[in-house]
C-alpha atoms as a PDB file:
ATOM      1  CA  MET A   1     117.568 144.564  57.064  1.00  0.00           C
ATOM      2  CA  LYS A   2     118.378 141.144  55.618  1.00  0.00           C
ATOM      3  CA  TYR A   3     118.439 139.659  59.150  1.00  0.00           C
ATOM      4  CA  PHE A   4     115.023 141.149  59.833  1.00  0.00           C
ATOM      5  CA  LEU A   5     113.636 139.554  56.661  1.00  0.00           C
ATOM      6  CA  PHE A   6     115.274 136.272  57.630  1.00  0.00           C
ATOM      7  CA  LEU A   7     113.575 136.321  61.044  1.00  0.00           C
ATOM      8  CA  ILE A   8     110.234 137.178  59.458  1.00  0.00           C
ATOM      9  CA  THR A   9     110.627 134.226  57.096  1.00  0.00           C
ATOM     10  CA  ILE A  10     111.398 131.867  59.978  1.00  0.00           C
ATOM     11  CA  ALA A  11     108.414 133.116  61.976  1.00  0.00           C
ATOM     12  CA  PHE A  12     106.091 132.695  58.987  1.00  0.00           C
ATOM     13  CA  CYS A  13     107.304 129.173  58.262  1.00  0.00           C
ATOM     14  CA  SER A  14     107.007 128.180  61.908  1.00  0.00           C
ATOM     15  CA  CYS A  15     103.341 129.200  61.937  1.00  0.00           C
ATOM     16  CA  SER A  16     102.560 126.978  58.948  1.00  0.00           C
ATOM     17  CA  PRO A  17     101.970 123.203  59.161  1.00  0.00           C
ATOM     18  CA  LYS A  18     104.872 120.802  58.743  1.00  0.00           C
ATOM     19  CA  ILE A  19     104.653 118.978  55.394  1.00  0.00           C
ATOM     20  CA  ARG A  20     106.412 115.776  54.387  1.00  0.00           C
ATOM     21  CA  THR A  21     105.839 114.273  50.944  1.00  0.00           C
ATOM     22  CA  SER A  22     107.147 111.031  49.466  1.00  0.00           C
ATOM     23  CA  VAL A  23     106.516 110.243  45.777  1.00  0.00           C
ATOM     24  CA  SER A  24     107.130 106.934  44.029  1.00  0.00           C
ATOM     25  CA  GLU A  25     105.930 108.070  40.576  1.00  0.00           C
ATOM     26  CA  LYS A  26     106.672 111.398  38.957  1.00  0.00           C
ATOM     27  CA  HIS A  27     103.867 113.186  37.135  1.00  0.00           C
ATOM     28  CA  GLU A  28     103.395 116.606  35.627  1.00  0.00           C
ATOM     29  CA  LYS A  29     102.377 119.322  38.054  1.00  0.00           C
ATOM     30  CA  LEU A  30      98.665 120.193  37.983  1.00  0.00           C
ATOM     31  CA  ASP A  31      97.229 123.669  37.640  1.00  0.00           C
ATOM     32  CA  SER A  32      96.578 125.462  40.953  1.00  0.00           C
ATOM     33  CA  LYS A  33      92.844 125.508  40.182  1.00  0.00           C
ATOM     34  CA  SER A  34      92.644 121.791  39.358  1.00  0.00           C
ATOM     35  CA  ASN A  35      90.050 119.836  41.318  1.00  0.00           C
ATOM     36  CA  VAL A  36      91.433 117.467  43.955  1.00  0.00           C
ATOM     37  CA  ILE A  37      89.079 114.813  45.336  1.00  0.00           C
ATOM     38  CA  VAL A  38      89.313 113.854  49.011  1.00  0.00           C
ATOM     39  CA  PHE A  39      88.423 110.302  50.080  1.00  0.00           C
ATOM     40  CA  ASN A  40      87.885 109.408  53.733  1.00  0.00           C
ATOM     41  CA  THR A  41      87.700 105.599  53.460  1.00  0.00           C
ATOM     42  CA  LYS A  42      88.890 102.945  51.035  1.00  0.00           C
ATOM     43  CA  ALA A  43      85.262 102.033  50.358  1.00  0.00           C
ATOM     44  CA  GLU A  44      84.847 105.389  48.571  1.00  0.00           C
ATOM     45  CA  LEU A  45      87.689 104.741  46.105  1.00  0.00           C
ATOM     46  CA  PRO A  46      86.839 104.147  42.427  1.00  0.00           C
ATOM     47  CA  ALA A  47      87.568 100.842  40.711  1.00  0.00           C
ATOM     48  CA  ASN A  48      90.566 102.267  38.880  1.00  0.00           C
ATOM     49  CA  PHE A  49      93.159 104.380  40.676  1.00  0.00           C
ATOM     50  CA  SER A  50      96.889 104.444  41.250  1.00  0.00           C
ATOM     51  CA  THR A  51      98.868 105.444  44.332  1.00  0.00           C
ATOM     52  CA  ILE A  52     101.810 107.681  43.499  1.00  0.00           C
ATOM     53  CA  GLY A  53     102.997 108.676  46.972  1.00  0.00           C
ATOM     54  CA  THR A  54     102.130 109.863  50.456  1.00  0.00           C
ATOM     55  CA  VAL A  55     101.827 113.171  52.259  1.00  0.00           C
ATOM     56  CA  LYS A  56     101.835 114.065  55.971  1.00  0.00           C
ATOM     57  CA  ILE A  57     100.638 117.408  57.314  1.00  0.00           C
ATOM     58  CA  GLY A  58     101.907 117.821  60.867  1.00  0.00           C
ATOM     59  CA  ASP A  59     102.890 120.281  63.583  1.00  0.00           C
ATOM     60  CA  THR A  60     106.277 122.005  63.803  1.00  0.00           C
ATOM     61  CA  GLY A  61     105.768 122.691  67.493  1.00  0.00           C
ATOM     62  CA  PHE A  62     105.163 126.390  66.750  1.00  0.00           C
ATOM     63  CA  THR A  63     102.356 125.937  64.218  1.00  0.00           C
ATOM     64  CA  THR A  64      99.340 128.149  64.833  1.00  0.00           C
ATOM     65  CA  ASN A  65      97.571 128.127  61.457  1.00  0.00           C
ATOM     66  CA  CYS A  66      96.523 124.474  61.484  1.00  0.00           C
ATOM     67  CA  ASP A  67      92.740 124.186  61.568  1.00  0.00           C
ATOM     68  CA  PHE A  68      91.187 121.376  59.520  1.00  0.00           C
ATOM     69  CA  ALA A  69      90.454 123.573  56.484  1.00  0.00           C
ATOM     70  CA  THR A  70      94.066 124.833  56.338  1.00  0.00           C
ATOM     71  CA  VAL A  71      95.471 121.310  56.683  1.00  0.00           C
ATOM     72  CA  LEU A  72      93.242 120.034  53.871  1.00  0.00           C
ATOM     73  CA  GLU A  73      94.257 122.919  51.617  1.00  0.00           C
ATOM     74  CA  ALA A  74      97.935 122.189  52.294  1.00  0.00           C
ATOM     75  CA  ALA A  75      97.400 118.534  51.362  1.00  0.00           C
ATOM     76  CA  LYS A  76      95.635 119.544  48.131  1.00  0.00           C
ATOM     77  CA  THR A  77      98.463 121.892  47.218  1.00  0.00           C
ATOM     78  CA  GLU A  78     101.001 119.096  47.709  1.00  0.00           C
ATOM     79  CA  ALA A  79      98.842 116.749  45.638  1.00  0.00           C
ATOM     80  CA  ARG A  80      98.762 119.221  42.712  1.00  0.00           C
ATOM     81  CA  LYS A  81     102.548 119.777  42.945  1.00  0.00           C
ATOM     82  CA  ASN A  82     103.098 116.050  42.441  1.00  0.00           C
ATOM     83  CA  GLY A  83     100.452 115.454  39.787  1.00  0.00           C
ATOM     84  CA  ALA A  84      97.861 113.811  42.050  1.00  0.00           C
ATOM     85  CA  ASN A  85      94.208 114.668  41.482  1.00  0.00           C
ATOM     86  CA  ALA A  86      92.948 112.877  44.627  1.00  0.00           C
ATOM     87  CA  PHE A  87      94.084 111.644  48.003  1.00  0.00           C
ATOM     88  CA  LEU A  88      92.863 109.165  50.618  1.00  0.00           C
ATOM     89  CA  ILE A  89      93.061 110.263  54.271  1.00  0.00           C
ATOM     90  CA  THR A  90      94.638 107.320  56.132  1.00  0.00           C
ATOM     91  CA  GLU A  91      95.011 109.027  59.509  1.00  0.00           C
ATOM     92  CA  HIS A  92      93.454 112.089  61.127  1.00  0.00           C
ATOM     93  CA  LEU A  93      94.749 113.245  64.515  1.00  0.00           C
ATOM     94  CA  TYR A  94      92.563 115.812  66.265  1.00  0.00           C
ATOM     95  CA  PRO A  95      93.810 118.628  68.531  1.00  0.00           C
ATOM     96  CA  SER A  96      94.602 117.407  72.035  1.00  0.00           C
ATOM     97  CA  MET A  97      94.510 119.285  75.340  1.00  0.00           C
ATOM     98  CA  PHE A  98      97.875 117.832  76.436  1.00  0.00           C
ATOM     99  CA  GLY A  99      99.360 117.319  72.963  1.00  0.00           C
ATOM    100  CA  SER A 100      99.327 119.202  69.693  1.00  0.00           C
ATOM    101  CA  SER A 101      96.756 121.928  69.165  1.00  0.00           C
ATOM    102  CA  CYS A 102      96.707 121.155  65.429  1.00  0.00           C
ATOM    103  CA  HIS A 103      94.776 118.880  63.117  1.00  0.00           C
ATOM    104  CA  ARG A 104      97.253 116.435  61.556  1.00  0.00           C
ATOM    105  CA  ILE A 105      96.603 114.082  58.652  1.00  0.00           C
ATOM    106  CA  SER A 106      98.391 111.390  56.662  1.00  0.00           C
ATOM    107  CA  ALA A 107      97.181 110.605  53.145  1.00  0.00           C
ATOM    108  CA  ASP A 108      97.918 108.515  50.054  1.00  0.00           C
ATOM    109  CA  LEU A 109      98.351 110.592  46.887  1.00  0.00           C
ATOM    110  CA  LEU A 110      96.222 109.181  44.070  1.00  0.00           C
ATOM    111  CA  ARG A 111      95.523 109.520  40.374  1.00  0.00           C
ATOM    112  CA  ILE A 112      92.002 108.700  39.238  1.00  0.00           C
ATOM    113  CA  GLU A 113      90.466 108.749  35.778  1.00  0.00           C
ATOM    114  CA  ASN A 114      87.813 111.441  35.968  1.00  0.00           C
ATOM    115  CA  THR A 115      87.335 113.895  38.840  1.00  0.00           C
ATOM    116  CA  THR A 116      84.105 115.263  37.353  1.00  0.00           C
ATOM    117  CA  ASP A 117      82.332 112.034  38.310  1.00  0.00           C
ATOM    118  CA  TYR A 118      82.493 113.147  41.917  1.00  0.00           C
ATOM    119  CA  SER A 119      80.495 116.316  41.415  1.00  0.00           C
ATOM    120  CA  LYS A 120      77.287 114.810  40.074  1.00  0.00           C
ATOM    121  CA  PRO A 121      74.244 115.029  42.350  1.00  0.00           C
ATOM    122  CA  VAL A 122      72.377 111.774  42.955  1.00  0.00           C
ATOM    123  CA  ILE A 123      68.877 111.229  44.330  1.00  0.00           C
ATOM    124  CA  ASN A 124      68.559 108.796  47.193  1.00  0.00           C
ATOM    125  CA  LYS A 125      65.356 108.385  49.213  1.00  0.00           C
ATOM    126  CA  ASP A 126      63.943 111.777  48.189  1.00  0.00           C
ATOM    127  CA  SER A 127      67.083 113.661  49.217  1.00  0.00           C
ATOM    128  CA  ILE A 128      69.753 115.151  46.972  1.00  0.00           C
ATOM    129  CA  HIS A 129      73.379 115.019  47.976  1.00  0.00           C
ATOM    130  CA  SER A 130      76.659 115.535  46.195  1.00  0.00           C
ATOM    131  CA  LYS A 131      79.224 112.803  45.654  1.00  0.00           C
ATOM    132  CA  ASP A 132      81.960 115.425  45.690  1.00  0.00           C
ATOM    133  CA  ARG A 133      83.994 114.315  48.710  1.00  0.00           C
ATOM    134  CA  LEU A 134      86.035 117.501  48.564  1.00  0.00           C
ATOM    135  CA  LYS A 135      82.925 119.557  49.136  1.00  0.00           C
ATOM    136  CA  LEU A 136      81.742 117.345  51.992  1.00  0.00           C
ATOM    137  CA  VAL A 137      85.073 117.401  53.786  1.00  0.00           C
ATOM    138  CA  ALA A 138      85.475 121.146  53.198  1.00  0.00           C
ATOM    139  CA  ASN A 139      82.080 121.697  54.798  1.00  0.00           C
ATOM    140  CA  GLU A 140      83.205 119.630  57.780  1.00  0.00           C
ATOM    141  CA  ALA A 141      86.342 121.733  58.047  1.00  0.00           C
ATOM    142  CA  THR A 142      84.423 124.994  57.816  1.00  0.00           C
ATOM    143  CA  ASN A 143      81.983 123.943  60.497  1.00  0.00           C
ATOM    144  CA  TYR A 144      84.562 122.438  62.869  1.00  0.00           C
ATOM    145  CA  LYS A 145      85.080 125.605  64.888  1.00  0.00           C
ATOM    146  CA  SER A 146      81.644 127.096  64.502  1.00  0.00           C
ATOM    147  CA  SER A 147      79.614 124.003  65.373  1.00  0.00           C
ATOM    148  CA  LYS A 148      78.975 123.491  69.060  1.00  0.00           C
ATOM    149  CA  SER A 149      77.756 120.261  70.558  1.00  0.00           C
ATOM    150  CA  SER A 150      76.260 120.175  74.002  1.00  0.00           C
ATOM    151  CA  GLY A 151      75.733 117.192  76.240  1.00  0.00           C
ATOM    152  CA  PHE A 152      76.198 115.722  79.673  1.00  0.00           C
ATOM    153  CA  LEU A 153      79.228 114.097  81.261  1.00  0.00           C
ATOM    154  CA  LEU A 154      79.267 111.841  84.319  1.00  0.00           C
ATOM    155  CA  LEU A 155      82.421 110.871  86.250  1.00  0.00           C
ATOM    156  CA  ALA A 156      82.543 108.256  89.013  1.00  0.00           C
ATOM    157  CA  ASN A 157      85.709 107.327  90.967  1.00  0.00           C
ATOM    158  CA  VAL A 158      86.789 105.059  93.809  1.00  0.00           C
ATOM    159  CA  ALA A 159      90.117 105.939  95.434  1.00  0.00           C
ATOM    160  CA  GLN A 160      92.707 104.974  97.987  1.00  0.00           C
ATOM    161  CA  SER A 161      93.246 108.151  99.981  1.00  0.00           C
ATOM    162  CA  PHE A 162      96.096 109.456 102.104  1.00  0.00           C
ATOM    163  CA  ARG A 163      95.762 112.387 104.512  1.00  0.00           C
ATOM    164  CA  VAL A 164      98.884 114.546 104.624  1.00  0.00           C
ATOM    165  CA  ALA A 165      98.506 116.052 108.112  1.00  0.00           C
ATOM    166  CA  SER A 166     101.254 115.333 110.633  1.00  0.00           C
ATOM    167  CA  SER A 167     100.519 113.287 113.756  1.00  0.00           C
ATOM    168  CA  PRO A 168     100.351 114.902 117.226  1.00  0.00           C
ATOM    169  CA  ASP A 169     103.482 115.029 119.345  1.00  0.00           C
ATOM    170  CA  GLY A 170     104.027 112.800 122.365  1.00  0.00           C
ATOM    171  CA  LEU A 171     102.660 109.545 120.937  1.00  0.00           C
ATOM    172  CA  ASN A 172     104.204 106.152 121.611  1.00  0.00           C
ATOM    173  CA  SER A 173     105.054 103.755 118.772  1.00  0.00           C
ATOM    174  CA  GLU A 174     101.705 101.931 118.915  1.00  0.00           C
ATOM    175  CA  GLN A 175      99.763 105.179 118.854  1.00  0.00           C
ATOM    176  CA  LYS A 176     101.847 106.499 115.959  1.00  0.00           C
ATOM    177  CA  LYS A 177     101.058 103.357 113.970  1.00  0.00           C
ATOM    178  CA  TYR A 178      97.365 103.744 114.779  1.00  0.00           C
ATOM    179  CA  MET A 179      97.336 107.383 113.624  1.00  0.00           C
ATOM    180  CA  LYS A 180      99.179 106.460 110.417  1.00  0.00           C
ATOM    181  CA  ASN A 181      96.602 103.776 109.604  1.00  0.00           C
ATOM    182  CA  LEU A 182      93.762 106.161 110.475  1.00  0.00           C
ATOM    183  CA  LYS A 183      95.062 108.710 107.921  1.00  0.00           C
ATOM    184  CA  SER A 184      94.635 106.161 105.123  1.00  0.00           C
ATOM    185  CA  GLY A 185      91.148 105.378 103.890  1.00  0.00           C
ATOM    186  CA  LEU A 186      88.811 104.917 100.961  1.00  0.00           C
ATOM    187  CA  SER A 187      86.966 107.656  99.143  1.00  0.00           C
ATOM    188  CA  TYR A 188      84.553 107.897  96.274  1.00  0.00           C
ATOM    189  CA  ASP A 189      83.179 110.767  94.271  1.00  0.00           C
ATOM    190  CA  ILE A 190      80.657 111.389  91.539  1.00  0.00           C
ATOM    191  CA  SER A 191      80.500 114.442  89.278  1.00  0.00           C
ATOM    192  CA  ALA A 192      77.880 115.526  86.765  1.00  0.00           C
ATOM    193  CA  TYR A 193      78.630 118.175  84.136  1.00  0.00           C
ATOM    194  CA  TYR A 194      76.835 120.007  81.383  1.00  0.00           C
ATOM    195  CA  LEU A 195      79.227 120.434  78.460  1.00  0.00           C
ATOM    196  CA  LYS A 196      78.580 123.535  76.416  1.00  0.00           C
ATOM    197  CA  ASP A 197      81.166 122.830  73.708  1.00  0.00           C
ATOM    198  CA  ASP A 198      82.347 119.194  74.136  1.00  0.00           C
ATOM    199  CA  ARG A 199      85.448 120.299  76.074  1.00  0.00           C
ATOM    200  CA  THR A 200      84.435 122.633  78.906  1.00  0.00           C
ATOM    201  CA  GLY A 201      81.646 122.119  81.361  1.00  0.00           C
ATOM    202  CA  PHE A 202      80.153 123.162  84.680  1.00  0.00           C
ATOM    203  CA  GLY A 203      78.432 120.915  87.164  1.00  0.00           C
ATOM    204  CA  LEU A 204      78.339 119.497  90.670  1.00  0.00           C
ATOM    205  CA  LYS A 205      80.796 117.242  92.534  1.00  0.00           C
ATOM    206  CA  TYR A 206      80.127 115.067  95.587  1.00  0.00           C
ATOM    207  CA  ASN A 207      83.016 113.389  97.413  1.00  0.00           C
ATOM    208  CA  VAL A 208      83.184 111.254 100.566  1.00  0.00           C
ATOM    209  CA  TYR A 209      86.197 109.943 102.502  1.00  0.00           C
ATOM    210  CA  LYS A 210      85.946 107.274 105.232  1.00  0.00           C
ATOM    211  CA  SER A 211      88.454 105.917 107.706  1.00  0.00           C
ATOM    212  CA  SER A 212      88.086 104.009 110.967  1.00  0.00           C
ATOM    213  CA  GLY A 213      90.107 102.105 113.524  1.00  0.00           C
ATOM    214  CA  THR A 214      90.388 100.887 117.100  1.00  0.00           C
ATOM    215  CA  ILE A 215      93.349 100.913 119.471  1.00  0.00           C
ATOM    216  CA  ARG A 216      93.079  98.807 122.606  1.00  0.00           C
ATOM    217  CA  ASN A 217      94.267  98.954 126.204  1.00  0.00           C
ATOM    218  CA  GLN A 218      95.498 102.540 126.171  1.00  0.00           C
ATOM    219  CA  GLN A 219      96.036 104.754 129.183  1.00  0.00           C
ATOM    220  CA  ILE A 220      95.156 108.453 129.434  1.00  0.00           C
ATOM    221  CA  THR A 221      95.404 110.974 132.241  1.00  0.00           C
ATOM    222  CA  LEU A 222      92.566 113.485 132.525  1.00  0.00           C
ATOM    223  CA  ASP A 223      92.652 116.960 134.059  1.00  0.00           C
ATOM    224  CA  ASP A 224      91.703 115.541 137.469  1.00  0.00           C
ATOM    225  CA  GLY A 225      94.979 113.590 137.508  1.00  0.00           C
ATOM    226  CA  ILE A 226      93.277 110.194 137.399  1.00  0.00           C
ATOM    227  CA  ASN A 227      94.609 107.587 134.979  1.00  0.00           C
ATOM    228  CA  TYR A 228      92.122 105.687 132.822  1.00  0.00           C
ATOM    229  CA  ARG A 229      92.819 102.616 130.697  1.00  0.00           C
ATOM    230  CA  GLY A 230      90.691 101.166 127.912  1.00  0.00           C
ATOM    231  CA  ASP A 231      89.968 101.067 124.179  1.00  0.00           C
ATOM    232  CA  PHE A 232      89.731 104.037 121.845  1.00  0.00           C
ATOM    233  CA  SER A 233      88.108 104.107 118.399  1.00  0.00           C
ATOM    234  CA  ASP A 234      87.553 106.587 115.585  1.00  0.00           C
ATOM    235  CA  ASP A 235      85.074 106.500 112.703  1.00  0.00           C
ATOM    236  CA  ILE A 236      85.830 109.484 110.442  1.00  0.00           C
ATOM    237  CA  THR A 237      83.777 110.764 107.517  1.00  0.00           C
ATOM    238  CA  ILE A 238      84.809 113.800 105.451  1.00  0.00           C
ATOM    239  CA  SER A 239      82.241 114.946 102.896  1.00  0.00           C
ATOM    240  CA  PHE A 240      82.373 117.548 100.139  1.00  0.00           C
ATOM    241  CA  ILE A 241      79.747 118.989  97.809  1.00  0.00           C
ATOM    242  CA  GLY A 242      80.085 121.974  95.538  1.00  0.00           C
ATOM    243  CA  PRO A 243      80.089 123.448  92.031  1.00  0.00           C
ATOM    244  CA  SER A 244      82.808 122.137  89.747  1.00  0.00           C
ATOM    245  CA  PHE A 245      84.485 123.043  86.449  1.00  0.00           C
ATOM    246  CA  ILE A 246      85.984 120.556  83.973  1.00  0.00           C
ATOM    247  CA  LEU A 247      88.315 120.939  81.010  1.00  0.00           C
ATOM    248  CA  THR A 248      88.472 117.745  78.955  1.00  0.00           C
ATOM    249  CA  GLU A 249      89.579 116.462  75.600  1.00  0.00           C
ATOM    250  CA  GLY A 250      86.707 116.111  73.151  1.00  0.00           C
ATOM    251  CA  LYS A 251      84.902 112.970  72.092  1.00  0.00           C
ATOM    252  CA  ASN A 252      86.961 112.923  68.871  1.00  0.00           C
ATOM    253  CA  ALA A 253      90.185 112.185  70.784  1.00  0.00           C
ATOM    254  CA  ARG A 254      91.241 108.809  69.452  1.00  0.00           C
ATOM    255  CA  VAL A 255      92.704 106.758  72.297  1.00  0.00           C
ATOM    256  CA  GLY A 256      91.117 108.440  75.299  1.00  0.00           C
ATOM    257  CA  GLU A 257      90.431 111.704  77.055  1.00  0.00           C
ATOM    258  CA  ALA A 258      92.533 113.682  79.521  1.00  0.00           C
ATOM    259  CA  ASN A 259      90.720 116.020  81.906  1.00  0.00           C
ATOM    260  CA  LEU A 260      91.288 118.647  84.590  1.00  0.00           C
ATOM    261  CA  GLU A 261      88.759 119.382  87.350  1.00  0.00           C
ATOM    262  CA  LEU A 262      88.421 122.131  89.932  1.00  0.00           C
ATOM    263  CA  ALA A 263      85.686 122.289  92.561  1.00  0.00           C
ATOM    264  CA  ILE A 264      85.111 124.643  95.498  1.00  0.00           C
ATOM    265  CA  GLY A 265      82.343 124.068  98.006  1.00  0.00           C
ATOM    266  CA  TYR A 266      81.197 122.903 101.436  1.00  0.00           C
ATOM    267  CA  MET A 267      83.346 120.396 103.350  1.00  0.00           C
ATOM    268  CA  SER A 268      82.182 118.722 106.555  1.00  0.00           C
ATOM    269  CA  TYR A 269      84.007 116.568 109.102  1.00  0.00           C
ATOM    270  CA  ARG A 270      82.491 114.010 111.485  1.00  0.00           C
ATOM    271  CA  ASN A 271      84.217 111.636 113.886  1.00  0.00           C
ATOM    272  CA  ASN A 272      82.022 109.187 115.816  1.00  0.00           C
ATOM    273  CA  SER A 273      84.666 108.238 118.358  1.00  0.00           C
ATOM    274  CA  THR A 274      84.626 106.145 121.516  1.00  0.00           C
ATOM    275  CA  ILE A 275      86.814 106.802 124.557  1.00  0.00           C
ATOM    276  CA  ILE A 276      86.937 103.864 126.971  1.00  0.00           C
ATOM    277  CA  GLY A 277      83.378 102.873 126.113  1.00  0.00           C
ATOM    278  CA  SER A 278      82.033 106.434 126.181  1.00  0.00           C
ATOM    279  CA  PRO A 279      80.845 107.873 122.811  1.00  0.00           C
ATOM    280  CA  LEU A 280      82.043 111.289 121.674  1.00  0.00           C
ATOM    281  CA  LYS A 281      80.898 112.961 118.478  1.00  0.00           C
ATOM    282  CA  ILE A 282      83.214 115.566 116.920  1.00  0.00           C
ATOM    283  CA  THR A 283      82.043 117.691 113.993  1.00  0.00           C
ATOM    284  CA  GLY A 284      83.201 120.689 111.976  1.00  0.00           C
ATOM    285  CA  SER A 285      82.839 122.349 108.581  1.00  0.00           C
ATOM    286  CA  ASN A 286      84.485 124.913 106.342  1.00  0.00           C
ATOM    287  CA  LEU A 287      85.215 125.801 102.740  1.00  0.00           C
ATOM    288  CA  GLY A 288      86.886 122.958 100.831  1.00  0.00           C
ATOM    289  CA  MET A 289      88.483 122.404  97.442  1.00  0.00           C
ATOM    290  CA  ILE A 290      89.167 119.539  95.039  1.00  0.00           C
ATOM    291  CA  ALA A 291      91.678 119.768  92.178  1.00  0.00           C
ATOM    292  CA  GLY A 292      92.181 116.725  89.987  1.00  0.00           C
ATOM    293  CA  MET A 293      93.569 115.427  86.732  1.00  0.00           C
ATOM    294  CA  GLY A 294      92.981 112.123  84.989  1.00  0.00           C
ATOM    295  CA  TYR A 295      93.065 110.130  81.798  1.00  0.00           C
ATOM    296  CA  HIS A 296      90.374 107.713  80.641  1.00  0.00           C
ATOM    297  CA  PHE A 297      90.747 105.209  77.803  1.00  0.00           C
ATOM    298  CA  ARG A 298      87.877 104.946  75.338  1.00  0.00           C
ATOM    299  CA  ILE A 299      86.004 101.624  75.540  1.00  0.00           C
ATOM    300  CA  THR A 300      83.026 102.742  73.452  1.00  0.00           C
ATOM    301  CA  PRO A 301      82.260 106.177  71.958  1.00  0.00           C
ATOM    302  CA  HIS A 302      80.373 107.094  75.146  1.00  0.00           C
ATOM    303  CA  PHE A 303      82.083 105.006  77.847  1.00  0.00           C
ATOM    304  CA  LEU A 304      85.670 105.336  79.129  1.00  0.00           C
ATOM    305  CA  LEU A 305      87.746 103.800  81.929  1.00  0.00           C
ATOM    306  CA  GLY A 306      90.880 105.221  83.503  1.00  0.00           C
ATOM    307  CA  ALA A 307      92.711 106.718  86.464  1.00  0.00           C
ATOM    308  CA  GLN A 308      92.609 110.042  88.264  1.00  0.00           C
ATOM    309  CA  ALA A 309      94.576 111.820  90.989  1.00  0.00           C
ATOM    310  CA  ASN A 310      92.868 114.395  93.222  1.00  0.00           C
ATOM    311  CA  PHE A 311      94.177 116.844  95.810  1.00  0.00           C
ATOM    312  CA  VAL A 312      91.351 117.328  98.280  1.00  0.00           C
ATOM    313  CA  GLY A 313      90.929 119.236 101.488  1.00  0.00           C
ATOM    314  CA  GLY A 314      90.468 122.228 103.677  1.00  0.00           C
ATOM    315  CA  VAL A 315      91.210 123.383 107.226  1.00  0.00           C
ATOM    316  CA  LEU A 316      88.973 123.370 110.322  1.00  0.00           C
ATOM    317  CA  ARG A 317      89.496 126.204 112.805  1.00  0.00           C
ATOM    318  CA  LYS A 318      86.830 125.122 115.269  1.00  0.00           C
ATOM    319  CA  LEU A 319      85.306 121.808 116.335  1.00  0.00           C
ATOM    320  CA  LYS A 320      82.054 120.950 118.040  1.00  0.00           C
ATOM    321  CA  TYR A 321      82.068 118.192 120.704  1.00  0.00           C
ATOM    322  CA  GLU A 322      78.869 116.334 121.695  1.00  0.00           C
ATOM    323  CA  TYR A 323      79.201 114.371 124.959  1.00  0.00           C
ATOM    324  CA  PRO A 324      77.106 111.368 126.113  1.00  0.00           C
ATOM    325  CA  ASN A 325      75.180 113.495 128.611  1.00  0.00           C
ATOM    326  CA  GLY A 326      73.913 115.749 125.803  1.00  0.00           C
ATOM    327  CA  ILE A 327      76.218 118.657 126.544  1.00  0.00           C
ATOM    328  CA  THR A 328      77.828 120.275 123.488  1.00  0.00           C
ATOM    329  CA  GLU A 329      80.950 122.380 123.366  1.00  0.00           C
ATOM    330  CA  THR A 330      82.498 124.348 120.477  1.00  0.00           C
ATOM    331  CA  ILE A 331      86.238 124.872 120.698  1.00  0.00           C
ATOM    332  CA  LYS A 332      88.115 127.386 118.585  1.00  0.00           C
ATOM    333  CA  LEU A 333      91.489 125.986 117.556  1.00  0.00           C
ATOM    334  CA  GLU A 334      94.730 127.891 117.631  1.00  0.00           C
ATOM    335  CA  ASP A 335      96.801 128.155 114.448  1.00  0.00           C
ATOM    336  CA  GLU A 336      99.085 125.316 115.508  1.00  0.00           C
ATOM    337  CA  GLU A 337      96.076 123.130 116.446  1.00  0.00           C
ATOM    338  CA  VAL A 338      93.897 123.438 113.324  1.00  0.00           C
ATOM    339  CA  GLU A 339      92.477 120.210 111.898  1.00  0.00           C
ATOM    340  CA  ASN A 340      94.186 119.643 108.527  1.00  0.00           C
ATOM    341  CA  LEU A 341      91.860 117.756 106.163  1.00  0.00           C
ATOM    342  CA  TRP A 342      94.101 117.806 103.074  1.00  0.00           C
ATOM    343  CA  ARG A 343      94.702 114.490 101.365  1.00  0.00           C
ATOM    344  CA  ILE A 344      95.666 112.819  98.076  1.00  0.00           C
ATOM    345  CA  ASP A 345      93.203 110.505  96.290  1.00  0.00           C
ATOM    346  CA  LEU A 346      94.545 107.940  93.805  1.00  0.00           C
ATOM    347  CA  ALA A 347      91.461 106.781  91.966  1.00  0.00           C
ATOM    348  CA  VAL A 348      90.186 104.488  89.258  1.00  0.00           C
ATOM    349  CA  GLY A 349      86.934 105.356  87.619  1.00  0.00           C
ATOM    350  CA  ALA A 350      84.595 105.626  84.689  1.00  0.00           C
ATOM    351  CA  LYS A 351      83.522 108.419  82.409  1.00  0.00           C
ATOM    352  CA  PHE A 352      80.165 108.510  80.638  1.00  0.00           C
ATOM    353  CA  ARG A 353      79.096 110.838  77.835  1.00  0.00           C
ATOM    354  CA  PHE A 354      75.407 111.381  77.073  1.00  0.00           C
END
């Protein structure tokens, strides 16, 4: 039984925030109902106050009960234990998608002369508001989860892209080099999202990849057994458009915002090629997908710059050929012949919040 109680105690403590307190002056413990004033900036501090220590409310790694209201209450309890009737928040870390899910604060423990001065209403420009910082911050904590902000998010990226498909068999060294260069190109994409709660949103993504090249003085043998020699060129465009979902850190993230994106939609392929001076257009389309993750550093509250990696692609099982004489032909590809459009995009880009 005692082991069961021990495990229960550990589980309970793990769910609570991690608290570290350092006190330089000892004072008598305050009553549990004593008022504790919360200051957000040094400009709010009274003329006369003394700092008696510091407190940090953090995350144990297993903490679950760590919303802003709970963290503030824990800080007030520590303040009363050490005889402080006020504290100044010096750092507030918000929950992060790739970090802690808790609110974390650091604060200076203070003693001020009269806490009742911070509960008097004052009239300013025909509006009444309370100078009680505790009440204001408590209201912020209460409304943190319930309040929902909506807005728009725009992402724009330019990337160096690398197709992952293997090259055909039977190529000479020059042709292998040409195919390798052709599988590397530039891409860009733009995404627009409506954010329903500052962190999750739905929208539309448009992405385009381009690659081109020319290989000269090559020989081919056609079905009639005749050898032909000349230049070959390819001008490839792969386009994608479709609905997209984003999960992002909120605008309160301090340094920047991490994000995950997933889009599924229509992908098209076009190659305006030339074979020994004769144009040949090759097209195809199928379902495509884009999965990406990135991190953008905050430049202004609404503008961020950063990097993103995307995995983009699909598979074509049939291709349409358009010959110079106007004849078209659609060829269904066998499993070992399918056109692999998958690639990796390494991008730099911008993020805009509206």
